[in-house]
Protein backbone atom coordinates (compact mmCIF):
# COMPACT_ATOMS: atom_id res chain seq x y z
CA MET A 1 22.24 59.62 -38.94
CA ASP A 2 21.43 61.76 -41.96
CA SER A 3 19.44 64.97 -42.13
CA THR A 4 16.28 63.19 -43.35
CA GLU A 5 16.24 60.95 -40.29
CA ILE A 6 16.87 63.92 -38.00
CA ALA A 7 13.99 65.79 -39.64
CA LYS A 8 11.73 62.79 -39.02
CA LEU A 9 12.79 62.72 -35.37
CA LYS A 10 12.04 66.44 -35.05
CA ALA A 11 8.58 65.92 -36.57
CA LEU A 12 7.92 63.07 -34.15
CA ASP A 13 9.10 65.22 -31.26
CA GLU A 14 6.69 68.00 -32.27
CA GLN A 15 3.78 65.54 -32.28
CA ILE A 16 4.84 64.10 -28.93
CA GLN A 17 4.87 67.58 -27.41
CA ILE A 18 1.39 68.27 -28.83
CA ILE A 19 0.09 65.03 -27.29
CA LYS A 20 1.69 65.89 -23.97
CA ALA A 21 0.24 69.41 -23.91
CA ALA A 22 -3.23 68.10 -24.84
CA ALA A 23 -3.13 65.49 -22.07
CA GLU A 24 -2.03 68.10 -19.53
CA GLU A 25 -4.89 70.38 -20.61
CA LEU A 26 -7.36 67.49 -20.40
CA LYS A 27 -6.20 66.74 -16.88
CA LYS A 28 -6.62 70.40 -15.88
CA GLN A 29 -10.11 70.58 -17.38
CA ALA A 30 -11.21 67.26 -15.86
CA GLY A 31 -12.27 69.16 -12.76
CA GLY A 32 -11.99 66.22 -10.41
CA ILE A 33 -13.54 63.65 -12.75
CA GLN A 34 -11.42 60.70 -11.72
CA ALA A 35 -11.79 58.71 -14.95
CA ALA A 36 -10.61 61.63 -17.07
CA GLU A 37 -7.71 62.44 -14.75
CA CYS A 38 -6.61 58.80 -14.60
CA ASN A 39 -6.70 58.38 -18.36
CA ALA A 40 -4.87 61.68 -18.86
CA ASP A 41 -2.16 60.36 -16.53
CA ARG A 42 -1.91 57.23 -18.68
CA ILE A 43 -1.57 59.35 -21.81
CA LEU A 44 1.15 61.39 -20.10
CA ALA A 45 2.99 58.19 -19.12
CA SER A 46 2.86 57.01 -22.73
CA ALA A 47 4.05 60.41 -23.94
CA LYS A 48 6.95 60.16 -21.50
CA MET A 49 7.96 56.81 -23.00
CA LEU A 50 7.82 58.37 -26.47
CA GLU A 51 10.02 61.21 -25.22
CA ILE A 52 12.53 58.71 -23.90
CA ASN A 53 12.52 56.87 -27.23
CA PHE A 54 12.60 59.86 -29.59
CA SER A 55 12.86 63.29 -27.98
CA ASP A 56 15.80 62.39 -25.76
CA LEU A 57 17.60 61.01 -28.80
CA LEU A 58 17.40 64.45 -30.41
CA ALA A 59 19.17 65.97 -27.41
CA VAL A 60 22.10 63.64 -27.99
CA LEU A 61 22.28 64.47 -31.68
């Protein structure tokens, strides 16, 4: 894997972390609103899959 591909992975990882942080903040601010909390959990699950696909790959490299 060349440096351009690694740079792309790092950029993807940064965006994944931003999504994850935003979803966690949304869940905190939901204040018991079940629909918001449930959807935030779904976003977090999707972010976790992205981490498995991209972020964890960076750890190996």
